[in-house]
């Protein structure tokens, strides 16, 4: 079994863990001590789900980390045998940082051997992918927990239960501190596109900074504190909302992520995120489909994909896209991060 295949299997555990958690009986969690009985089961499930998700993330990142550490060990032995002290120290420092789980610089030390370029890039890419999957699912778990807390907060407010209200507020702050709360409209991280959370919209209800096209329709809507773009099409023709972005300097890859939902999908064509690459003469260089589905999806599904940027590419066209299907498709948290 190849290394890439093993990594793919490991990463899929991050998606599968949500379904496994949902299938567990409520009694499988241990109630947190000191919490009011109204919210104790809810809090226990949240804590248990987050712990399981953290373990899945660590498992997914373990193999690429070990692969890079093996390459570093071989490089350090070679540098030592050739008496390249500066190179050996740079390799040792890199290995220490990887072992400690420290964040590596995007640009490696010039003293690192060139032979480490490929395994280092692979490690950074797979580690980032695992972390993003964790973040996306953590936000789903956090959103579910916050909705439950909001229900009991409303009841506690009406009943004047001040102690319960204090506990609920404390739990809400914990969700934010753990980074599991749904993304806010601003400051959620560096993405090359604007308004990917659809927090801003035009007077006609369509998302600001996005340009629509095709026979279908689209508008920003909000349900259960989640703001998203809803697109509706009833035919085979392509419908889209796009953003044109200049290629970021010195970038070879993009990490694309989105949450998708389409409970009434009918047809054969895909829906999701499409990335088109064009050169200086506006010729099409590539058309990638990093995050697409071809089947009904009744609940939110977090997706992540990688796109390799071609040397001649100067412009990127990010598309929320649907084609050859009759469906209502919801897009949330669209992000395109330079790697």
C-alpha atoms as a PDB file:
ATOM      1  CA  UNK A   1       0.000   0.000   0.000  1.00  0.00           C
ATOM      2  CA  UNK A   2       1.444   3.386  -1.020  1.00  0.00           C
ATOM      3  CA  UNK A   3       2.067   6.222   1.441  1.00  0.00           C
ATOM      4  CA  UNK A   4      -0.450   8.439  -0.342  1.00  0.00           C
ATOM      5  CA  UNK A   5      -3.101   5.710  -0.083  1.00  0.00           C
ATOM      6  CA  UNK A   6      -2.438   5.283   3.643  1.00  0.00           C
ATOM      7  CA  UNK A   7      -2.759   9.054   4.156  1.00  0.00           C
ATOM      8  CA  UNK A   8      -6.033   9.087   2.230  1.00  0.00           C
ATOM      9  CA  UNK A   9      -7.406   6.360   4.491  1.00  0.00           C
ATOM     10  CA  UNK A  10      -6.284   8.225   7.601  1.00  0.00           C
ATOM     11  CA  UNK A  11      -7.830  11.493   6.487  1.00  0.00           C
ATOM     12  CA  UNK A  12     -11.156   9.825   5.791  1.00  0.00           C
ATOM     13  CA  UNK A  13     -11.397   8.969   9.469  1.00  0.00           C
ATOM     14  CA  UNK A  14     -11.967  12.649  10.180  1.00  0.00           C
ATOM     15  CA  UNK A  15     -15.128  12.541   8.089  1.00  0.00           C
ATOM     16  CA  UNK A  16     -16.260   9.123   9.289  1.00  0.00           C
ATOM     17  CA  UNK A  17     -15.890  10.033  12.959  1.00  0.00           C
ATOM     18  CA  UNK A  18     -18.883  12.400  12.799  1.00  0.00           C
ATOM     19  CA  UNK A  19     -21.188   9.619  11.630  1.00  0.00           C
ATOM     20  CA  UNK A  20     -19.833   7.296  14.289  1.00  0.00           C
ATOM     21  CA  UNK A  21     -20.393   9.881  17.000  1.00  0.00           C
ATOM     22  CA  UNK A  22     -23.959  10.472  15.888  1.00  0.00           C
ATOM     23  CA  UNK A  23     -24.687   6.747  16.108  1.00  0.00           C
ATOM     24  CA  UNK A  24     -23.538   6.365  19.716  1.00  0.00           C
ATOM     25  CA  UNK A  25     -26.224   6.120  22.424  1.00  0.00           C
ATOM     26  CA  UNK A  26     -26.599   9.127  24.677  1.00  0.00           C
ATOM     27  CA  UNK A  27     -25.684   7.052  27.707  1.00  0.00           C
ATOM     28  CA  UNK A  28     -22.184   6.467  26.321  1.00  0.00           C
ATOM     29  CA  UNK A  29     -20.997   9.822  27.672  1.00  0.00           C
ATOM     30  CA  UNK A  30     -20.077  10.596  31.241  1.00  0.00           C
ATOM     31  CA  UNK A  31     -21.936  13.608  32.667  1.00  0.00           C
ATOM     32  CA  UNK A  32     -19.623  16.496  33.651  1.00  0.00           C
ATOM     33  CA  UNK A  33     -19.572  17.111  37.386  1.00  0.00           C
ATOM     34  CA  UNK A  34     -21.180  20.247  38.755  1.00  0.00           C
ATOM     35  CA  UNK A  35     -23.374  21.099  35.775  1.00  0.00           C
ATOM     36  CA  UNK A  36     -27.114  21.544  35.971  1.00  0.00           C
ATOM     37  CA  UNK A  37     -29.040  18.428  34.869  1.00  0.00           C
ATOM     38  CA  UNK A  38     -30.645  20.398  32.025  1.00  0.00           C
ATOM     39  CA  UNK A  39     -27.348  20.837  30.131  1.00  0.00           C
ATOM     40  CA  UNK A  40     -25.128  18.081  31.586  1.00  0.00           C
ATOM     41  CA  UNK A  41     -25.951  15.460  28.880  1.00  0.00           C
ATOM     42  CA  UNK A  42     -25.548  18.051  26.136  1.00  0.00           C
ATOM     43  CA  UNK A  43     -22.157  19.133  27.487  1.00  0.00           C
ATOM     44  CA  UNK A  44     -21.002  15.531  27.936  1.00  0.00           C
ATOM     45  CA  UNK A  45     -21.763  14.756  24.295  1.00  0.00           C
ATOM     46  CA  UNK A  46     -19.926  17.872  23.113  1.00  0.00           C
ATOM     47  CA  UNK A  47     -16.824  17.037  25.148  1.00  0.00           C
ATOM     48  CA  UNK A  48     -16.835  13.412  24.010  1.00  0.00           C
ATOM     49  CA  UNK A  49     -17.302  14.364  20.344  1.00  0.00           C
ATOM     50  CA  UNK A  50     -14.470  16.889  20.464  1.00  0.00           C
ATOM     51  CA  UNK A  51     -12.129  14.377  22.103  1.00  0.00           C
ATOM     52  CA  UNK A  52     -12.883  11.772  19.439  1.00  0.00           C
ATOM     53  CA  UNK A  53     -12.354  14.342  16.706  1.00  0.00           C
ATOM     54  CA  UNK A  54      -9.002  15.368  18.196  1.00  0.00           C
ATOM     55  CA  UNK A  55      -7.874  11.747  18.248  1.00  0.00           C
ATOM     56  CA  UNK A  56      -8.902  11.310  14.606  1.00  0.00           C
ATOM     57  CA  UNK A  57      -6.914  14.419  13.630  1.00  0.00           C
ATOM     58  CA  UNK A  58      -3.808  13.152  15.433  1.00  0.00           C
ATOM     59  CA  UNK A  59      -4.127   9.770  13.733  1.00  0.00           C
ATOM     60  CA  UNK A  60      -4.459  11.392  10.298  1.00  0.00           C
ATOM     61  CA  UNK A  61      -1.348  13.561  10.846  1.00  0.00           C
ATOM     62  CA  UNK A  62       0.821  10.789  12.320  1.00  0.00           C
ATOM     63  CA  UNK A  63       1.806   9.050   9.077  1.00  0.00           C
ATOM     64  CA  UNK A  64       2.951  12.142   7.092  1.00  0.00           C
ATOM     65  CA  UNK A  65       4.854  13.340  10.172  1.00  0.00           C
ATOM     66  CA  UNK A  66       6.668  10.014  10.497  1.00  0.00           C
ATOM     67  CA  UNK A  67       7.434   9.924   6.773  1.00  0.00           C
ATOM     68  CA  UNK A  68       9.120  13.322   7.005  1.00  0.00           C
ATOM     69  CA  UNK A  69      10.965  12.392  10.194  1.00  0.00           C
ATOM     70  CA  UNK A  70      12.365   9.326   8.432  1.00  0.00           C
ATOM     71  CA  UNK A  71      13.581  11.520   5.578  1.00  0.00           C
ATOM     72  CA  UNK A  72      15.144  13.935   8.084  1.00  0.00           C
ATOM     73  CA  UNK A  73      16.934  11.104   9.877  1.00  0.00           C
ATOM     74  CA  UNK A  74      18.430   9.882   6.609  1.00  0.00           C
ATOM     75  CA  UNK A  75      19.443  13.437   5.656  1.00  0.00           C
ATOM     76  CA  UNK A  76      21.083  14.042   9.029  1.00  0.00           C
ATOM     77  CA  UNK A  77      23.060  10.798   8.785  1.00  0.00           C
ATOM     78  CA  UNK A  78      24.243  11.737   5.283  1.00  0.00           C
ATOM     79  CA  UNK A  79      25.248  15.262   6.373  1.00  0.00           C
ATOM     80  CA  UNK A  80      27.169  13.861   9.340  1.00  0.00           C
ATOM     81  CA  UNK A  81      29.008  11.326   7.184  1.00  0.00           C
ATOM     82  CA  UNK A  82      29.984  14.102   4.776  1.00  0.00           C
ATOM     83  CA  UNK A  83      30.989  16.331   7.740  1.00  0.00           C
ATOM     84  CA  UNK A  84      28.568  19.108   6.768  1.00  0.00           C
ATOM     85  CA  UNK A  85      28.037  20.458  10.258  1.00  0.00           C
ATOM     86  CA  UNK A  86      25.798  23.415   9.356  1.00  0.00           C
ATOM     87  CA  UNK A  87      23.557  21.206   7.238  1.00  0.00           C
ATOM     88  CA  UNK A  88      23.379  18.554   9.958  1.00  0.00           C
ATOM     89  CA  UNK A  89      22.373  21.181  12.529  1.00  0.00           C
ATOM     90  CA  UNK A  90      19.667  22.601  10.236  1.00  0.00           C
ATOM     91  CA  UNK A  91      18.254  19.104   9.724  1.00  0.00           C
ATOM     92  CA  UNK A  92      18.384  18.402  13.483  1.00  0.00           C
ATOM     93  CA  UNK A  93      16.580  21.673  14.248  1.00  0.00           C
ATOM     94  CA  UNK A  94      13.893  20.814  11.684  1.00  0.00           C
ATOM     95  CA  UNK A  95      13.449  17.343  13.165  1.00  0.00           C
ATOM     96  CA  UNK A  96      13.108  18.812  16.668  1.00  0.00           C
ATOM     97  CA  UNK A  97      10.411  21.224  15.466  1.00  0.00           C
ATOM     98  CA  UNK A  98       8.460  18.437  13.729  1.00  0.00           C
ATOM     99  CA  UNK A  99       8.708  16.168  16.775  1.00  0.00           C
ATOM    100  CA  UNK A 100       7.518  18.970  19.075  1.00  0.00           C
ATOM    101  CA  UNK A 101       4.584  19.740  16.776  1.00  0.00           C
ATOM    102  CA  UNK A 102       5.813  23.299  16.196  1.00  0.00           C
ATOM    103  CA  UNK A 103       4.611  25.187  13.136  1.00  0.00           C
ATOM    104  CA  UNK A 104       7.201  25.081  10.358  1.00  0.00           C
ATOM    105  CA  UNK A 105       8.085  28.120   8.281  1.00  0.00           C
ATOM    106  CA  UNK A 106       6.550  28.144   4.801  1.00  0.00           C
ATOM    107  CA  UNK A 107      10.019  28.710   3.332  1.00  0.00           C
ATOM    108  CA  UNK A 108      12.568  26.129   4.543  1.00  0.00           C
ATOM    109  CA  UNK A 109      16.028  26.970   5.800  1.00  0.00           C
ATOM    110  CA  UNK A 110      18.483  27.322   2.875  1.00  0.00           C
ATOM    111  CA  UNK A 111      20.745  24.884   4.728  1.00  0.00           C
ATOM    112  CA  UNK A 112      18.265  22.020   4.398  1.00  0.00           C
ATOM    113  CA  UNK A 113      19.205  19.559   1.622  1.00  0.00           C
ATOM    114  CA  UNK A 114      17.192  19.782  -1.582  1.00  0.00           C
ATOM    115  CA  UNK A 115      16.307  16.117  -1.207  1.00  0.00           C
ATOM    116  CA  UNK A 116      13.970  17.145   1.627  1.00  0.00           C
ATOM    117  CA  UNK A 117      11.885  19.508  -0.535  1.00  0.00           C
ATOM    118  CA  UNK A 118       9.351  16.884  -1.654  1.00  0.00           C
ATOM    119  CA  UNK A 119       8.822  15.082   1.700  1.00  0.00           C
ATOM    120  CA  UNK A 120       8.651  18.452   3.482  1.00  0.00           C
ATOM    121  CA  UNK A 121       5.996  19.784   1.087  1.00  0.00           C
ATOM    122  CA  UNK A 122       4.043  16.543   1.433  1.00  0.00           C
ATOM    123  CA  UNK A 123       4.137  16.753   5.225  1.00  0.00           C
ATOM    124  CA  UNK A 124       3.027  20.399   5.293  1.00  0.00           C
ATOM    125  CA  UNK A 125       0.214  19.752   2.828  1.00  0.00           C
ATOM    126  CA  UNK A 126      -1.161  16.688   4.602  1.00  0.00           C
ATOM    127  CA  UNK A 127      -0.811  18.220   8.071  1.00  0.00           C
ATOM    128  CA  UNK A 128      -2.689  21.320   6.877  1.00  0.00           C
ATOM    129  CA  UNK A 129      -5.371  19.141   5.324  1.00  0.00           C
ATOM    130  CA  UNK A 130      -5.850  17.187   8.553  1.00  0.00           C
ATOM    131  CA  UNK A 131      -6.017  20.403  10.575  1.00  0.00           C
ATOM    132  CA  UNK A 132      -8.558  21.922   8.220  1.00  0.00           C
ATOM    133  CA  UNK A 133     -10.761  18.824   8.365  1.00  0.00           C
ATOM    134  CA  UNK A 134     -10.585  18.977  12.142  1.00  0.00           C
ATOM    135  CA  UNK A 135     -11.511  22.665  12.147  1.00  0.00           C
ATOM    136  CA  UNK A 136     -14.470  22.201   9.810  1.00  0.00           C
ATOM    137  CA  UNK A 137     -15.936  19.321  11.816  1.00  0.00           C
ATOM    138  CA  UNK A 138     -15.190  21.051  15.126  1.00  0.00           C
ATOM    139  CA  UNK A 139     -17.253  23.997  13.953  1.00  0.00           C
ATOM    140  CA  UNK A 140     -20.151  21.669  13.130  1.00  0.00           C
ATOM    141  CA  UNK A 141     -19.968  20.066  16.571  1.00  0.00           C
ATOM    142  CA  UNK A 142     -19.672  23.488  18.203  1.00  0.00           C
ATOM    143  CA  UNK A 143     -22.628  24.865  16.239  1.00  0.00           C
ATOM    144  CA  UNK A 144     -24.781  21.925  17.322  1.00  0.00           C
ATOM    145  CA  UNK A 145     -23.766  22.434  20.947  1.00  0.00           C
ATOM    146  CA  UNK A 146     -24.453  26.174  20.803  1.00  0.00           C
ATOM    147  CA  UNK A 147     -27.911  25.558  19.349  1.00  0.00           C
ATOM    148  CA  UNK A 148     -28.660  23.224  22.251  1.00  0.00           C
ATOM    149  CA  UNK A 149     -27.387  25.757  24.759  1.00  0.00           C
ATOM    150  CA  UNK A 150     -29.475  28.490  23.135  1.00  0.00           C
ATOM    151  CA  UNK A 151     -32.600  26.383  23.629  1.00  0.00           C
ATOM    152  CA  UNK A 152     -31.942  25.978  27.356  1.00  0.00           C
ATOM    153  CA  UNK A 153     -30.807  29.597  27.648  1.00  0.00           C
ATOM    154  CA  UNK A 154     -34.190  30.750  26.384  1.00  0.00           C
ATOM    155  CA  UNK A 155     -36.008  28.548  28.886  1.00  0.00           C
ATOM    156  CA  UNK A 156     -33.715  29.594  31.745  1.00  0.00           C
ATOM    157  CA  UNK A 157     -34.234  33.269  30.933  1.00  0.00           C
ATOM    158  CA  UNK A 158     -38.005  32.861  31.007  1.00  0.00           C
ATOM    159  CA  UNK A 159     -37.819  30.968  34.319  1.00  0.00           C
ATOM    160  CA  UNK A 160     -35.301  33.352  35.904  1.00  0.00           C
ATOM    161  CA  UNK A 161     -32.719  30.579  36.499  1.00  0.00           C
ATOM    162  CA  UNK A 162     -29.662  32.785  37.002  1.00  0.00           C
ATOM    163  CA  UNK A 163     -27.306  29.966  38.041  1.00  0.00           C
ATOM    164  CA  UNK A 164     -28.140  27.972  34.925  1.00  0.00           C
ATOM    165  CA  UNK A 165     -27.675  31.061  32.765  1.00  0.00           C
ATOM    166  CA  UNK A 166     -24.190  31.555  34.231  1.00  0.00           C
ATOM    167  CA  UNK A 167     -23.255  27.954  33.421  1.00  0.00           C
ATOM    168  CA  UNK A 168     -24.565  28.294  29.877  1.00  0.00           C
ATOM    169  CA  UNK A 169     -22.543  31.465  29.355  1.00  0.00           C
ATOM    170  CA  UNK A 170     -19.415  29.739  30.646  1.00  0.00           C
ATOM    171  CA  UNK A 171     -19.936  26.835  28.247  1.00  0.00           C
ATOM    172  CA  UNK A 172     -20.452  29.189  25.310  1.00  0.00           C
ATOM    173  CA  UNK A 173     -17.152  30.892  26.098  1.00  0.00           C
ATOM    174  CA  UNK A 174     -15.416  27.496  26.202  1.00  0.00           C
ATOM    175  CA  UNK A 175     -16.650  26.710  22.689  1.00  0.00           C
ATOM    176  CA  UNK A 176     -15.179  29.982  21.425  1.00  0.00           C
ATOM    177  CA  UNK A 177     -11.880  29.372  23.225  1.00  0.00           C
ATOM    178  CA  UNK A 178     -11.570  25.904  21.650  1.00  0.00           C
ATOM    179  CA  UNK A 179     -12.054  27.345  18.181  1.00  0.00           C
ATOM    180  CA  UNK A 180     -15.170  25.226  17.662  1.00  0.00           C
ATOM    181  CA  UNK A 181     -17.588  28.113  17.258  1.00  0.00           C
ATOM    182  CA  UNK A 182     -18.890  28.839  13.747  1.00  0.00           C
ATOM    183  CA  UNK A 183     -16.657  31.249  11.822  1.00  0.00           C
ATOM    184  CA  UNK A 184     -17.405  34.930  12.252  1.00  0.00           C
ATOM    185  CA  UNK A 185     -17.826  37.237   9.315  1.00  0.00           C
ATOM    186  CA  UNK A 186     -14.359  38.739   9.615  1.00  0.00           C
ATOM    187  CA  UNK A 187     -10.916  37.628  10.700  1.00  0.00           C
ATOM    188  CA  UNK A 188     -11.480  33.888  10.158  1.00  0.00           C
ATOM    189  CA  UNK A 189      -8.101  33.398   8.460  1.00  0.00           C
ATOM    190  CA  UNK A 190      -6.342  34.229   5.196  1.00  0.00           C
ATOM    191  CA  UNK A 191      -8.299  33.334   2.084  1.00  0.00           C
ATOM    192  CA  UNK A 192      -7.668  34.692  -1.410  1.00  0.00           C
ATOM    193  CA  UNK A 193     -11.390  35.309  -1.950  1.00  0.00           C
ATOM    194  CA  UNK A 194     -13.612  37.905  -0.319  1.00  0.00           C
ATOM    195  CA  UNK A 195     -16.948  37.293   1.410  1.00  0.00           C
ATOM    196  CA  UNK A 196     -16.556  33.527   1.378  1.00  0.00           C
ATOM    197  CA  UNK A 197     -18.871  33.326   4.386  1.00  0.00           C
ATOM    198  CA  UNK A 198     -21.537  35.330   2.510  1.00  0.00           C
ATOM    199  CA  UNK A 199     -21.949  37.719   5.430  1.00  0.00           C
ATOM    200  CA  UNK A 200     -22.334  40.645   2.997  1.00  0.00           C
ATOM    201  CA  UNK A 201     -25.006  40.824   0.334  1.00  0.00           C
ATOM    202  CA  UNK A 202     -26.229  43.223  -2.330  1.00  0.00           C
ATOM    203  CA  UNK A 203     -29.619  44.944  -2.387  1.00  0.00           C
ATOM    204  CA  UNK A 204     -31.032  42.132  -4.555  1.00  0.00           C
ATOM    205  CA  UNK A 205     -30.008  39.506  -2.000  1.00  0.00           C
ATOM    206  CA  UNK A 206     -27.100  38.068  -3.981  1.00  0.00           C
ATOM    207  CA  UNK A 207     -23.683  37.868  -2.268  1.00  0.00           C
ATOM    208  CA  UNK A 208     -21.419  40.914  -2.443  1.00  0.00           C
ATOM    209  CA  UNK A 209     -18.176  40.513  -4.464  1.00  0.00           C
ATOM    210  CA  UNK A 210     -19.659  37.512  -6.308  1.00  0.00           C
ATOM    211  CA  UNK A 211     -21.004  37.678  -9.881  1.00  0.00           C
ATOM    212  CA  UNK A 212     -23.873  35.378 -10.840  1.00  0.00           C
ATOM    213  CA  UNK A 213     -24.637  33.787 -14.178  1.00  0.00           C
ATOM    214  CA  UNK A 214     -26.691  31.095 -15.889  1.00  0.00           C
ATOM    215  CA  UNK A 215     -30.448  30.417 -15.913  1.00  0.00           C
ATOM    216  CA  UNK A 216     -30.666  29.473 -12.239  1.00  0.00           C
ATOM    217  CA  UNK A 217     -31.056  31.784  -9.277  1.00  0.00           C
ATOM    218  CA  UNK A 218     -29.140  32.458  -6.088  1.00  0.00           C
ATOM    219  CA  UNK A 219     -29.452  34.468  -2.897  1.00  0.00           C
ATOM    220  CA  UNK A 220     -27.950  34.723   0.575  1.00  0.00           C
ATOM    221  CA  UNK A 221     -30.037  33.248   3.369  1.00  0.00           C
ATOM    222  CA  UNK A 222     -29.624  32.341   7.041  1.00  0.00           C
ATOM    223  CA  UNK A 223     -30.834  29.317   8.979  1.00  0.00           C
ATOM    224  CA  UNK A 224     -29.972  28.391  12.571  1.00  0.00           C
ATOM    225  CA  UNK A 225     -27.240  31.046  12.745  1.00  0.00           C
ATOM    226  CA  UNK A 226     -25.571  29.781   9.530  1.00  0.00           C
ATOM    227  CA  UNK A 227     -25.377  32.244   6.623  1.00  0.00           C
ATOM    228  CA  UNK A 228     -24.963  30.679   3.180  1.00  0.00           C
ATOM    229  CA  UNK A 229     -25.537  31.057  -0.551  1.00  0.00           C
ATOM    230  CA  UNK A 230     -28.555  29.137  -1.847  1.00  0.00           C
ATOM    231  CA  UNK A 231     -28.552  28.375  -5.578  1.00  0.00           C
ATOM    232  CA  UNK A 232     -31.532  26.878  -7.402  1.00  0.00           C
ATOM    233  CA  UNK A 233     -31.567  25.367 -10.896  1.00  0.00           C
ATOM    234  CA  UNK A 234     -34.196  23.314 -12.720  1.00  0.00           C
ATOM    235  CA  UNK A 235     -32.326  22.359 -15.894  1.00  0.00           C
ATOM    236  CA  UNK A 236     -29.101  21.056 -17.393  1.00  0.00           C
ATOM    237  CA  UNK A 237     -27.566  24.452 -18.116  1.00  0.00           C
ATOM    238  CA  UNK A 238     -24.703  25.625 -15.894  1.00  0.00           C
ATOM    239  CA  UNK A 239     -25.454  28.125 -13.112  1.00  0.00           C
ATOM    240  CA  UNK A 240     -22.734  29.844 -11.118  1.00  0.00           C
ATOM    241  CA  UNK A 241     -21.493  32.600  -8.849  1.00  0.00           C
ATOM    242  CA  UNK A 242     -17.850  33.524  -9.472  1.00  0.00           C
ATOM    243  CA  UNK A 243     -14.950  35.604  -8.224  1.00  0.00           C
ATOM    244  CA  UNK A 244     -11.923  36.569 -10.321  1.00  0.00           C
ATOM    245  CA  UNK A 245      -8.660  36.587  -8.365  1.00  0.00           C
ATOM    246  CA  UNK A 246      -5.104  37.372  -9.427  1.00  0.00           C
ATOM    247  CA  UNK A 247      -2.729  34.499  -8.787  1.00  0.00           C
ATOM    248  CA  UNK A 248      -0.959  35.063  -5.439  1.00  0.00           C
ATOM    249  CA  UNK A 249       2.793  35.505  -5.872  1.00  0.00           C
ATOM    250  CA  UNK A 250       5.037  32.469  -5.326  1.00  0.00           C
ATOM    251  CA  UNK A 251       2.121  30.096  -4.737  1.00  0.00           C
ATOM    252  CA  UNK A 252       2.124  26.581  -6.184  1.00  0.00           C
ATOM    253  CA  UNK A 253      -0.978  25.137  -4.511  1.00  0.00           C
ATOM    254  CA  UNK A 254      -4.384  26.137  -3.194  1.00  0.00           C
ATOM    255  CA  UNK A 255      -6.333  24.471  -0.416  1.00  0.00           C
ATOM    256  CA  UNK A 256     -10.039  24.739  -1.215  1.00  0.00           C
ATOM    257  CA  UNK A 257     -12.780  24.107   1.315  1.00  0.00           C
ATOM    258  CA  UNK A 258     -16.540  24.473   1.482  1.00  0.00           C
ATOM    259  CA  UNK A 259     -19.623  23.130   3.220  1.00  0.00           C
ATOM    260  CA  UNK A 260     -22.263  21.809   0.822  1.00  0.00           C
ATOM    261  CA  UNK A 261     -25.872  20.724   1.151  1.00  0.00           C
ATOM    262  CA  UNK A 262     -28.480  19.613  -1.421  1.00  0.00           C
ATOM    263  CA  UNK A 263     -31.414  17.513  -0.147  1.00  0.00           C
ATOM    264  CA  UNK A 264     -33.372  17.506  -3.428  1.00  0.00           C
ATOM    265  CA  UNK A 265     -30.627  16.775  -5.994  1.00  0.00           C
ATOM    266  CA  UNK A 266     -31.762  15.102  -9.223  1.00  0.00           C
ATOM    267  CA  UNK A 267     -29.550  14.642 -12.277  1.00  0.00           C
ATOM    268  CA  UNK A 268     -26.038  13.525 -13.184  1.00  0.00           C
ATOM    269  CA  UNK A 269     -23.990  16.706 -13.165  1.00  0.00           C
ATOM    270  CA  UNK A 270     -21.844  17.870 -10.238  1.00  0.00           C
ATOM    271  CA  UNK A 271     -22.322  20.765  -7.869  1.00  0.00           C
ATOM    272  CA  UNK A 272     -19.675  22.404  -5.716  1.00  0.00           C
ATOM    273  CA  UNK A 273     -16.515  24.479  -6.111  1.00  0.00           C
ATOM    274  CA  UNK A 274     -14.761  24.725  -9.481  1.00  0.00           C
ATOM    275  CA  UNK A 275     -11.410  26.499  -9.940  1.00  0.00           C
ATOM    276  CA  UNK A 276     -10.532  27.724 -13.438  1.00  0.00           C
ATOM    277  CA  UNK A 277      -6.984  28.855 -14.235  1.00  0.00           C
ATOM    278  CA  UNK A 278      -6.214  31.292 -17.065  1.00  0.00           C
ATOM    279  CA  UNK A 279      -2.980  32.657 -18.496  1.00  0.00           C
ATOM    280  CA  UNK A 280      -1.988  36.225 -19.387  1.00  0.00           C
ATOM    281  CA  UNK A 281      -3.812  35.930 -22.735  1.00  0.00           C
ATOM    282  CA  UNK A 282      -6.959  34.746 -20.903  1.00  0.00           C
ATOM    283  CA  UNK A 283      -6.653  31.240 -22.323  1.00  0.00           C
ATOM    284  CA  UNK A 284      -7.963  28.405 -20.163  1.00  0.00           C
ATOM    285  CA  UNK A 285      -5.042  26.552 -18.557  1.00  0.00           C
ATOM    286  CA  UNK A 286      -6.935  24.137 -16.282  1.00  0.00           C
ATOM    287  CA  UNK A 287     -10.344  23.562 -14.750  1.00  0.00           C
ATOM    288  CA  UNK A 288     -10.230  21.742 -11.412  1.00  0.00           C
ATOM    289  CA  UNK A 289     -13.115  20.362  -9.339  1.00  0.00           C
ATOM    290  CA  UNK A 290     -11.597  20.035  -5.840  1.00  0.00           C
ATOM    291  CA  UNK A 291     -14.890  19.972  -3.921  1.00  0.00           C
ATOM    292  CA  UNK A 292     -17.916  18.614  -5.814  1.00  0.00           C
ATOM    293  CA  UNK A 293     -20.767  16.159  -5.197  1.00  0.00           C
ATOM    294  CA  UNK A 294     -22.980  14.218  -7.600  1.00  0.00           C
ATOM    295  CA  UNK A 295     -25.660  12.940  -5.240  1.00  0.00           C
ATOM    296  CA  UNK A 296     -28.197  14.253  -2.722  1.00  0.00           C
ATOM    297  CA  UNK A 297     -26.698  15.558   0.533  1.00  0.00           C
ATOM    298  CA  UNK A 298     -29.439  16.299   3.100  1.00  0.00           C
ATOM    299  CA  UNK A 299     -27.054  17.631   5.799  1.00  0.00           C
ATOM    300  CA  UNK A 300     -24.037  19.902   5.671  1.00  0.00           C
ATOM    301  CA  UNK A 301     -20.938  18.117   4.343  1.00  0.00           C
ATOM    302  CA  UNK A 302     -17.497  19.681   4.871  1.00  0.00           C
ATOM    303  CA  UNK A 303     -15.171  19.153   1.922  1.00  0.00           C
ATOM    304  CA  UNK A 304     -11.516  19.953   1.303  1.00  0.00           C
ATOM    305  CA  UNK A 305      -9.419  19.643  -1.851  1.00  0.00           C
ATOM    306  CA  UNK A 306      -6.073  20.712  -3.256  1.00  0.00           C
ATOM    307  CA  UNK A 307      -5.400  22.483  -6.573  1.00  0.00           C
ATOM    308  CA  UNK A 308      -1.964  22.667  -8.196  1.00  0.00           C
ATOM    309  CA  UNK A 309      -1.257  26.027  -9.834  1.00  0.00           C
ATOM    310  CA  UNK A 310       0.301  25.827 -13.296  1.00  0.00           C
ATOM    311  CA  UNK A 311       3.375  28.000 -14.027  1.00  0.00           C
ATOM    312  CA  UNK A 312       1.608  29.969 -16.771  1.00  0.00           C
ATOM    313  CA  UNK A 313      -1.466  30.749 -14.653  1.00  0.00           C
ATOM    314  CA  UNK A 314      -2.015  34.441 -13.905  1.00  0.00           C
ATOM    315  CA  UNK A 315      -5.694  34.503 -12.932  1.00  0.00           C
ATOM    316  CA  UNK A 316      -7.978  32.269 -10.881  1.00  0.00           C
ATOM    317  CA  UNK A 317     -11.738  32.024 -11.276  1.00  0.00           C
ATOM    318  CA  UNK A 318     -13.495  30.555  -8.243  1.00  0.00           C
ATOM    319  CA  UNK A 319     -16.957  29.227  -9.031  1.00  0.00           C
ATOM    320  CA  UNK A 320     -19.839  28.135  -6.828  1.00  0.00           C
ATOM    321  CA  UNK A 321     -21.159  25.903  -9.558  1.00  0.00           C
ATOM    322  CA  UNK A 322     -23.975  23.532 -10.509  1.00  0.00           C
ATOM    323  CA  UNK A 323     -24.636  21.908 -13.889  1.00  0.00           C
ATOM    324  CA  UNK A 324     -26.817  19.216 -15.448  1.00  0.00           C
ATOM    325  CA  UNK A 325     -29.044  18.835 -12.418  1.00  0.00           C
ATOM    326  CA  UNK A 326     -32.300  19.993 -10.903  1.00  0.00           C
ATOM    327  CA  UNK A 327     -31.514  20.943  -7.342  1.00  0.00           C
ATOM    328  CA  UNK A 328     -31.330  23.420  -4.510  1.00  0.00           C
ATOM    329  CA  UNK A 329     -27.673  23.705  -3.460  1.00  0.00           C
ATOM    330  CA  UNK A 330     -26.396  25.540  -0.386  1.00  0.00           C
ATOM    331  CA  UNK A 331     -22.788  26.797  -0.141  1.00  0.00           C
ATOM    332  CA  UNK A 332     -21.233  27.886   3.180  1.00  0.00           C
ATOM    333  CA  UNK A 333     -17.728  28.840   4.352  1.00  0.00           C
ATOM    334  CA  UNK A 334     -16.061  28.925   0.953  1.00  0.00           C
ATOM    335  CA  UNK A 335     -12.297  29.303   1.407  1.00  0.00           C
ATOM    336  CA  UNK A 336      -9.344  29.233  -0.961  1.00  0.00           C
ATOM    337  CA  UNK A 337      -6.026  29.418   0.904  1.00  0.00           C
ATOM    338  CA  UNK A 338      -2.618  29.798  -0.720  1.00  0.00           C
ATOM    339  CA  UNK A 339      -0.087  27.103   0.164  1.00  0.00           C
END
